[in-house]
């Protein structure tokens, strides 16, 4: 996973966690939901980047 991909997914997970905590603390269910979604997007970006790396490795192996 590239550094840019890591930073992007980490940003989403951290801001999502903060929004979720803020929503829980204030009783704002919409904000809490936004946070959960943003965290899920960050996790999905991790999976996508890992999959992209695995495919690239397989293609490189085939080229050898």
Protein backbone atom coordinates (compact mmCIF):
# COMPACT_ATOMS: atom_id res chain seq x y z
CA UNK A 1 0.00 0.00 0.00
CA UNK A 2 1.44 3.35 -0.96
CA UNK A 3 2.04 6.04 1.60
CA UNK A 4 -0.65 8.19 -0.01
CA UNK A 5 -3.18 5.34 0.25
CA UNK A 6 -2.27 4.74 3.90
CA UNK A 7 -2.59 8.41 4.76
CA UNK A 8 -5.91 8.74 2.96
CA UNK A 9 -7.50 5.72 4.64
CA UNK A 10 -6.08 6.69 8.05
CA UNK A 11 -7.52 10.21 7.68
CA UNK A 12 -10.97 8.78 7.01
CA UNK A 13 -10.78 6.36 9.92
CA UNK A 14 -9.56 9.01 12.38
CA UNK A 15 -12.04 11.71 11.36
CA UNK A 16 -14.79 9.08 11.32
CA UNK A 17 -13.95 7.98 14.84
CA UNK A 18 -13.93 11.61 16.00
CA UNK A 19 -17.32 12.31 14.42
CA UNK A 20 -18.76 9.13 15.89
CA UNK A 21 -17.47 10.04 19.37
CA UNK A 22 -18.80 13.59 19.02
CA UNK A 23 -22.20 12.24 17.97
CA UNK A 24 -22.33 9.85 20.92
CA UNK A 25 -21.29 12.58 23.35
CA UNK A 26 -23.86 15.07 22.10
CA UNK A 27 -26.63 12.59 21.35
CA UNK A 28 -26.52 13.54 17.67
CA UNK A 29 -27.40 10.30 15.89
CA UNK A 30 -26.83 11.83 12.44
CA UNK A 31 -23.27 12.89 13.34
CA UNK A 32 -22.63 9.49 14.89
CA UNK A 33 -23.84 7.86 11.68
CA UNK A 34 -21.61 10.08 9.57
CA UNK A 35 -18.66 8.97 11.67
CA UNK A 36 -19.48 5.30 11.29
CA UNK A 37 -19.79 5.68 7.53
CA UNK A 38 -16.52 7.59 7.27
CA UNK A 39 -14.73 4.92 9.32
CA UNK A 40 -16.15 2.24 7.02
CA UNK A 41 -14.93 4.16 3.98
CA UNK A 42 -11.43 4.26 5.48
CA UNK A 43 -11.48 0.52 6.08
CA UNK A 44 -12.77 -0.09 2.56
CA UNK A 45 -9.91 1.99 1.17
CA UNK A 46 -7.48 -0.24 3.10
CA UNK A 47 -9.00 -3.36 1.58
CA UNK A 48 -8.99 -1.85 -1.89
CA UNK A 49 -5.34 -0.84 -1.62
CA UNK A 50 -4.37 -4.30 -0.32
CA UNK A 51 -6.25 -5.93 -3.18
CA UNK A 52 -4.59 -3.60 -5.68
CA UNK A 53 -1.18 -4.55 -4.27
CA UNK A 54 -1.98 -8.28 -4.39
CA UNK A 55 -3.09 -8.03 -8.03
CA UNK A 56 0.02 -6.07 -8.93
CA UNK A 57 2.19 -8.75 -7.27
CA UNK A 58 0.41 -11.51 -9.19
CA UNK A 59 0.83 -9.67 -12.48
CA UNK A 60 4.51 -9.16 -11.72
CA UNK A 61 4.87 -12.89 -10.97
CA UNK A 62 3.23 -13.80 -14.27
CA UNK A 63 5.54 -11.46 -16.19
CA UNK A 64 8.62 -13.27 -14.82
